[in-house]
Amino acid sequence: MKKFNWSVRVYYEDTDAGGVVYYANYLKFLERARTEMLRTTGIEQSALNRTEQIIFVVRSVHIDYLKSALFDDLLEIHSEITQVKKASLVFEQSVYRADILLCKAEVCIACVDSQTMRPKAIPKDLIAQFSE
């Protein structure tokens, strides 16, 4: 299914007192990569909310931290949609510094109605885009 790579620089604000990326900030990097992945396929989440009344929310995350990223590192986030279901998507994501794997995660994203916050089927045209 869809694969996407996105680069991000580690800023001082991303690190702890030792210059090591704070563990929760990896989730921010992963979120930004998923958003940019959708954007490159023409999917604007704010427009989906306005026109379809749907939003994507994180349902679950399984993450393994393997090595530390440091202040000023250039990271590459690899993202791939591995499952497309009626109302959810599963992403496999990994964070690299050069060719060194630092972190890997499986993220389940649910599609919900923005008014009721209840699960809502992903529109068929989006499913087709995700499955290409």
N, C-alpha and C. Protein backbone atom coordinates (compact mmCIF):
# COMPACT_ATOMS: atom_id res chain seq x y z
N MET A 1 0.84 -1.18 0.00
CA MET A 1 0.00 0.00 0.00
C MET A 1 0.88 1.24 0.00
N LYS A 2 0.31 2.36 0.29
CA LYS A 2 1.04 3.61 0.21
C LYS A 2 2.24 3.66 1.16
N LYS A 3 3.36 4.16 0.62
CA LYS A 3 4.57 4.38 1.42
C LYS A 3 4.96 5.84 1.26
N PHE A 4 5.52 6.39 2.32
CA PHE A 4 5.87 7.81 2.32
C PHE A 4 7.04 8.03 3.25
N ASN A 5 7.97 8.88 2.84
CA ASN A 5 9.11 9.27 3.67
C ASN A 5 9.07 10.78 3.87
N TRP A 6 9.37 11.21 5.09
CA TRP A 6 9.34 12.62 5.43
C TRP A 6 10.48 12.92 6.39
N SER A 7 11.17 14.02 6.18
CA SER A 7 12.32 14.39 7.02
C SER A 7 11.95 15.47 8.02
N VAL A 8 12.59 15.38 9.18
CA VAL A 8 12.39 16.38 10.24
C VAL A 8 13.71 16.56 10.98
N ARG A 9 14.02 17.79 11.33
CA ARG A 9 15.21 18.11 12.10
C ARG A 9 14.83 18.12 13.58
N VAL A 10 15.70 17.61 14.43
CA VAL A 10 15.47 17.65 15.87
C VAL A 10 15.91 19.01 16.39
N TYR A 11 14.97 19.73 16.99
CA TYR A 11 15.26 21.04 17.58
C TYR A 11 15.47 20.89 19.08
N TYR A 12 16.06 21.91 19.66
CA TYR A 12 16.33 21.91 21.09
C TYR A 12 15.05 21.62 21.88
N GLU A 13 13.94 22.19 21.45
CA GLU A 13 12.66 22.00 22.15
C GLU A 13 12.19 20.55 22.16
N ASP A 14 12.73 19.71 21.27
CA ASP A 14 12.35 18.30 21.18
C ASP A 14 13.11 17.42 22.18
N THR A 15 14.10 18.01 22.85
CA THR A 15 15.02 17.21 23.66
C THR A 15 14.84 17.46 25.16
N ASP A 16 15.43 16.56 25.92
CA ASP A 16 15.48 16.73 27.38
C ASP A 16 16.77 17.46 27.74
N ALA A 17 17.07 17.55 29.00
CA ALA A 17 18.25 18.29 29.46
C ALA A 17 19.56 17.71 28.93
N GLY A 18 19.54 16.43 28.54
CA GLY A 18 20.74 15.78 28.03
C GLY A 18 20.90 15.88 26.52
N GLY A 19 19.97 16.57 25.85
CA GLY A 19 20.05 16.69 24.39
C GLY A 19 19.50 15.48 23.66
N VAL A 20 18.79 14.60 24.38
CA VAL A 20 18.19 13.40 23.81
C VAL A 20 16.71 13.68 23.55
N VAL A 21 16.19 13.22 22.40
CA VAL A 21 14.78 13.45 22.10
C VAL A 21 13.93 12.80 23.18
N TYR A 22 13.04 13.60 23.75
CA TYR A 22 12.10 13.14 24.77
C TYR A 22 11.17 12.13 24.12
N TYR A 23 10.93 11.02 24.79
CA TYR A 23 10.22 9.88 24.19
C TYR A 23 8.87 10.25 23.59
N ALA A 24 8.11 11.12 24.22
CA ALA A 24 6.77 11.48 23.72
C ALA A 24 6.84 12.27 22.42
N ASN A 25 7.97 12.92 22.15
CA ASN A 25 8.08 13.72 20.94
C ASN A 25 8.16 12.87 19.68
N TYR A 26 8.52 11.60 19.80
CA TYR A 26 8.46 10.72 18.64
C TYR A 26 7.03 10.65 18.12
N LEU A 27 6.06 10.68 19.03
CA LEU A 27 4.65 10.64 18.61
C LEU A 27 4.31 11.86 17.76
N LYS A 28 4.87 13.01 18.10
CA LYS A 28 4.66 14.22 17.29
C LYS A 28 5.25 14.05 15.89
N PHE A 29 6.46 13.50 15.83
CA PHE A 29 7.09 13.28 14.53
C PHE A 29 6.24 12.33 13.67
N LEU A 30 5.74 11.26 14.29
CA LEU A 30 4.92 10.29 13.56
C LEU A 30 3.62 10.93 13.08
N GLU A 31 3.00 11.73 13.94
CA GLU A 31 1.75 12.42 13.58
C GLU A 31 1.97 13.35 12.39
N ARG A 32 3.02 14.12 12.43
CA ARG A 32 3.31 15.06 11.33
C ARG A 32 3.54 14.30 10.03
N ALA A 33 4.25 13.18 10.11
CA ALA A 33 4.51 12.40 8.90
C ALA A 33 3.21 11.85 8.31
N ARG A 34 2.30 11.36 9.17
CA ARG A 34 1.02 10.86 8.66
C ARG A 34 0.22 11.98 8.00
N THR A 35 0.22 13.16 8.62
CA THR A 35 -0.50 14.31 8.06
C THR A 35 0.09 14.70 6.72
N GLU A 36 1.41 14.75 6.62
CA GLU A 36 2.06 15.11 5.35
C GLU A 36 1.83 14.04 4.30
N MET A 37 1.78 12.79 4.72
CA MET A 37 1.48 11.70 3.79
C MET A 37 0.10 11.91 3.16
N LEU A 38 -0.89 12.20 3.98
CA LEU A 38 -2.25 12.45 3.46
C LEU A 38 -2.25 13.68 2.56
N ARG A 39 -1.56 14.72 2.98
CA ARG A 39 -1.53 15.97 2.21
C ARG A 39 -0.95 15.74 0.82
N THR A 40 0.09 14.92 0.70
CA THR A 40 0.70 14.69 -0.62
C THR A 40 -0.22 13.91 -1.55
N THR A 41 -1.21 13.22 -1.00
CA THR A 41 -2.17 12.52 -1.85
C THR A 41 -3.42 13.36 -2.08
N GLY A 42 -3.37 14.64 -1.65
CA GLY A 42 -4.49 15.54 -1.89
C GLY A 42 -5.56 15.49 -0.82
N ILE A 43 -5.27 14.87 0.30
CA ILE A 43 -6.25 14.76 1.38
C ILE A 43 -5.92 15.79 2.44
N GLU A 44 -6.78 16.79 2.56
CA GLU A 44 -6.63 17.81 3.60
C GLU A 44 -7.62 17.48 4.71
N GLN A 45 -7.10 17.21 5.90
CA GLN A 45 -7.97 16.79 6.99
C GLN A 45 -8.98 17.87 7.40
N SER A 46 -8.58 19.13 7.34
CA SER A 46 -9.52 20.20 7.68
C SER A 46 -10.68 20.25 6.68
N ALA A 47 -10.40 20.00 5.41
CA ALA A 47 -11.46 19.97 4.39
C ALA A 47 -12.39 18.78 4.61
N LEU A 48 -11.82 17.63 5.00
CA LEU A 48 -12.66 16.46 5.29
C LEU A 48 -13.64 16.75 6.42
N ASN A 49 -13.18 17.47 7.40
CA ASN A 49 -14.05 17.82 8.51
C ASN A 49 -15.18 18.74 8.04
N ARG A 50 -14.84 19.72 7.22
CA ARG A 50 -15.86 20.66 6.71
C ARG A 50 -16.86 19.97 5.78
N THR A 51 -16.36 19.13 4.87
CA THR A 51 -17.23 18.59 3.83
C THR A 51 -17.88 17.26 4.19
N GLU A 52 -17.18 16.42 4.93
CA GLU A 52 -17.67 15.07 5.24
C GLU A 52 -17.99 14.88 6.72
N GLN A 53 -17.64 15.88 7.54
CA GLN A 53 -17.80 15.79 9.00
C GLN A 53 -17.07 14.56 9.57
N ILE A 54 -15.87 14.31 9.03
CA ILE A 54 -15.07 13.22 9.58
C ILE A 54 -13.71 13.74 10.01
N ILE A 55 -13.19 13.10 11.05
CA ILE A 55 -11.83 13.36 11.49
C ILE A 55 -11.17 12.01 11.76
N PHE A 56 -9.85 12.00 11.73
CA PHE A 56 -9.09 10.80 12.05
C PHE A 56 -8.48 10.99 13.43
N VAL A 57 -8.66 10.01 14.29
CA VAL A 57 -8.12 10.06 15.65
C VAL A 57 -7.29 8.81 15.91
N VAL A 58 -6.28 8.95 16.75
CA VAL A 58 -5.46 7.80 17.11
C VAL A 58 -6.25 6.91 18.06
N ARG A 59 -6.37 5.65 17.69
CA ARG A 59 -7.05 4.66 18.52
C ARG A 59 -6.06 3.90 19.39
N SER A 60 -4.90 3.56 18.81
CA SER A 60 -3.88 2.85 19.58
C SER A 60 -2.52 3.05 18.95
N VAL A 61 -1.50 2.91 19.79
CA VAL A 61 -0.11 3.01 19.35
C VAL A 61 0.69 1.92 20.06
N HIS A 62 1.46 1.20 19.29
CA HIS A 62 2.47 0.31 19.87
C HIS A 62 3.80 0.82 19.35
N ILE A 63 4.69 1.19 20.27
CA ILE A 63 5.94 1.83 19.86
C ILE A 63 7.12 1.16 20.56
N ASP A 64 8.20 0.96 19.80
CA ASP A 64 9.44 0.42 20.34
C ASP A 64 10.55 1.45 20.11
N TYR A 65 11.20 1.83 21.21
CA TYR A 65 12.31 2.76 21.15
C TYR A 65 13.60 1.94 21.15
N LEU A 66 14.37 2.07 20.08
CA LEU A 66 15.55 1.23 19.92
C LEU A 66 16.86 1.96 20.18
N LYS A 67 16.95 3.19 19.71
CA LYS A 67 18.14 4.02 19.91
C LYS A 67 17.68 5.47 20.04
N SER A 68 18.54 6.31 20.58
CA SER A 68 18.16 7.70 20.84
C SER A 68 18.48 8.61 19.67
N ALA A 69 17.57 9.55 19.42
CA ALA A 69 17.84 10.66 18.52
C ALA A 69 18.34 11.81 19.38
N LEU A 70 19.16 12.67 18.78
CA LEU A 70 19.82 13.74 19.52
C LEU A 70 19.55 15.09 18.88
N PHE A 71 19.75 16.13 19.67
CA PHE A 71 19.63 17.50 19.18
C PHE A 71 20.38 17.67 17.87
N ASP A 72 19.70 18.29 16.90
CA ASP A 72 20.23 18.63 15.58
C ASP A 72 20.30 17.46 14.60
N ASP A 73 19.90 16.25 15.01
CA ASP A 73 19.83 15.13 14.07
C ASP A 73 18.81 15.42 12.98
N LEU A 74 19.09 14.94 11.78
CA LEU A 74 18.11 14.94 10.71
C LEU A 74 17.51 13.54 10.67
N LEU A 75 16.22 13.46 10.92
CA LEU A 75 15.52 12.17 10.98
C LEU A 75 14.66 11.99 9.73
N GLU A 76 14.49 10.74 9.36
CA GLU A 76 13.57 10.41 8.28
C GLU A 76 12.51 9.48 8.85
N ILE A 77 11.25 9.87 8.64
CA ILE A 77 10.13 9.10 9.13
C ILE A 77 9.56 8.32 7.94
N HIS A 78 9.55 7.00 8.04
CA HIS A 78 8.97 6.15 7.01
C HIS A 78 7.56 5.76 7.47
N SER A 79 6.60 5.94 6.59
CA SER A 79 5.21 5.63 6.92
C SER A 79 4.61 4.79 5.82
N GLU A 80 3.84 3.80 6.22
CA GLU A 80 3.15 2.95 5.26
C GLU A 80 1.79 2.57 5.83
N ILE A 81 0.77 2.68 5.00
CA ILE A 81 -0.55 2.18 5.38
C ILE A 81 -0.54 0.69 5.09
N THR A 82 -0.74 -0.12 6.13
CA THR A 82 -0.67 -1.57 5.96
C THR A 82 -2.04 -2.22 5.99
N GLN A 83 -3.03 -1.53 6.54
CA GLN A 83 -4.40 -2.07 6.56
C GLN A 83 -5.38 -0.93 6.37
N VAL A 84 -6.37 -1.20 5.53
CA VAL A 84 -7.48 -0.26 5.35
C VAL A 84 -8.75 -1.04 5.66
N LYS A 85 -9.45 -0.58 6.68
CA LYS A 85 -10.71 -1.21 7.06
C LYS A 85 -11.84 -0.22 6.84
N LYS A 86 -13.05 -0.62 7.15
CA LYS A 86 -14.22 0.22 6.91
C LYS A 86 -14.12 1.58 7.59
N ALA A 87 -13.65 1.60 8.84
CA ALA A 87 -13.59 2.85 9.58
C ALA A 87 -12.24 3.06 10.27
N SER A 88 -11.19 2.40 9.77
CA SER A 88 -9.88 2.59 10.39
C SER A 88 -8.75 2.29 9.41
N LEU A 89 -7.58 2.80 9.77
CA LEU A 89 -6.35 2.59 9.01
C LEU A 89 -5.27 2.15 9.99
N VAL A 90 -4.36 1.30 9.53
CA VAL A 90 -3.21 0.94 10.34
C VAL A 90 -1.96 1.41 9.59
N PHE A 91 -1.13 2.15 10.31
CA PHE A 91 0.14 2.64 9.78
C PHE A 91 1.28 1.91 10.45
N GLU A 92 2.28 1.51 9.68
CA GLU A 92 3.57 1.08 10.20
C GLU A 92 4.49 2.27 9.96
N GLN A 93 5.15 2.73 11.03
CA GLN A 93 6.02 3.88 10.92
C GLN A 93 7.35 3.59 11.60
N SER A 94 8.40 4.16 11.06
CA SER A 94 9.72 4.00 11.65
C SER A 94 10.50 5.30 11.51
N VAL A 95 11.39 5.51 12.47
CA VAL A 95 12.21 6.72 12.52
C VAL A 95 13.66 6.30 12.34
N TYR A 96 14.31 6.93 11.36
CA TYR A 96 15.71 6.63 11.06
C TYR A 96 16.57 7.88 11.18
N ARG A 97 17.81 7.69 11.59
CA ARG A 97 18.87 8.68 11.45
C ARG A 97 19.86 8.03 10.49
N ALA A 98 19.95 8.59 9.30
CA ALA A 98 20.70 7.95 8.22
C ALA A 98 20.12 6.54 8.04
N ASP A 99 20.93 5.50 8.19
CA ASP A 99 20.41 4.14 8.01
C ASP A 99 20.22 3.41 9.34
N ILE A 100 20.21 4.16 10.43
CA ILE A 100 20.05 3.57 11.77
C ILE A 100 18.60 3.68 12.22
N LEU A 101 17.97 2.54 12.47
CA LEU A 101 16.59 2.52 12.96
C LEU A 101 16.58 2.92 14.42
N LEU A 102 15.84 3.99 14.73
CA LEU A 102 15.76 4.50 16.09
C LEU A 102 14.48 4.08 16.81
N CYS A 103 13.41 3.99 16.05
CA CYS A 103 12.10 3.79 16.67
C CYS A 103 11.17 3.21 15.62
N LYS A 104 10.27 2.32 16.05
CA LYS A 104 9.26 1.81 15.12
C LYS A 104 7.93 1.75 15.86
N ALA A 105 6.85 1.95 15.09
CA ALA A 105 5.53 2.01 15.71
C ALA A 105 4.46 1.48 14.77
N GLU A 106 3.43 0.93 15.39
CA GLU A 106 2.20 0.59 14.67
C GLU A 106 1.12 1.50 15.25
N VAL A 107 0.47 2.25 14.37
CA VAL A 107 -0.51 3.24 14.81
C VAL A 107 -1.84 2.94 14.13
N CYS A 108 -2.88 2.73 14.93
CA CYS A 108 -4.22 2.51 14.41
C CYS A 108 -4.98 3.84 14.49
N ILE A 109 -5.51 4.25 13.35
CA ILE A 109 -6.25 5.50 13.23
C ILE A 109 -7.71 5.17 12.95
N ALA A 110 -8.60 5.76 13.74
CA ALA A 110 -10.04 5.55 13.54
C ALA A 110 -10.64 6.76 12.85
N CYS A 111 -11.61 6.51 12.00
CA CYS A 111 -12.38 7.56 11.35
C CYS A 111 -13.64 7.77 12.19
N VAL A 112 -13.88 9.00 12.63
CA VAL A 112 -15.05 9.27 13.45
C VAL A 112 -15.81 10.49 12.92
N ASP A 113 -17.10 10.52 13.23
CA ASP A 113 -17.95 11.66 12.93
C ASP A 113 -17.52 12.81 13.84
N SER A 114 -17.21 13.96 13.28
CA SER A 114 -16.69 15.07 14.08
C SER A 114 -17.73 15.67 15.01
N GLN A 115 -19.00 15.40 14.77
CA GLN A 115 -20.05 15.93 15.64
C GLN A 115 -20.35 14.99 16.79
N THR A 116 -20.42 13.69 16.51
CA THR A 116 -20.82 12.72 17.54
C THR A 116 -19.63 11.99 18.16
N MET A 117 -18.49 12.05 17.49
CA MET A 117 -17.28 11.32 17.90
C MET A 117 -17.50 9.81 17.89
N ARG A 118 -18.43 9.34 17.10
CA ARG A 118 -18.70 7.92 16.93
C ARG A 118 -18.01 7.44 15.65
N PRO A 119 -17.64 6.16 15.57
CA PRO A 119 -17.03 5.64 14.34
C PRO A 119 -17.89 5.91 13.11
N LYS A 120 -17.23 6.22 12.01
CA LYS A 120 -17.92 6.51 10.75
C LYS A 120 -17.11 5.90 9.62
N ALA A 121 -17.80 5.31 8.67
CA ALA A 121 -17.12 4.67 7.53
C ALA A 121 -16.29 5.69 6.77
N ILE A 122 -15.12 5.25 6.37
CA ILE A 122 -14.26 6.07 5.52
C ILE A 122 -14.89 6.12 4.13
N PRO A 123 -15.04 7.31 3.54
CA PRO A 123 -15.62 7.39 2.19
C PRO A 123 -14.86 6.52 1.20
N LYS A 124 -15.61 5.91 0.29
CA LYS A 124 -15.04 4.94 -0.66
C LYS A 124 -13.91 5.56 -1.51
N ASP A 125 -14.03 6.83 -1.88
CA ASP A 125 -12.97 7.45 -2.69
C ASP A 125 -11.67 7.55 -1.89
N LEU A 126 -11.77 7.77 -0.58
CA LEU A 126 -10.56 7.80 0.24
C LEU A 126 -9.97 6.42 0.39
N ILE A 127 -10.83 5.43 0.56
CA ILE A 127 -10.34 4.04 0.66
C ILE A 127 -9.56 3.68 -0.60
N ALA A 128 -10.07 4.10 -1.75
CA ALA A 128 -9.36 3.83 -3.00
C ALA A 128 -7.99 4.51 -3.02
N GLN A 129 -7.92 5.73 -2.53
CA GLN A 129 -6.64 6.44 -2.48
C GLN A 129 -5.67 5.76 -1.53
N PHE A 130 -6.15 5.31 -0.39
CA PHE A 130 -5.29 4.64 0.58
C PHE A 130 -4.78 3.31 0.07
N SER A 131 -5.57 2.65 -0.75
CA SER A 131 -5.24 1.29 -1.20
C SER A 131 -4.36 1.27 -2.44
N GLU A 132 -4.16 2.42 -3.09
CA GLU A 132 -3.36 2.45 -4.32
C GLU A 132 -1.93 2.02 -4.07
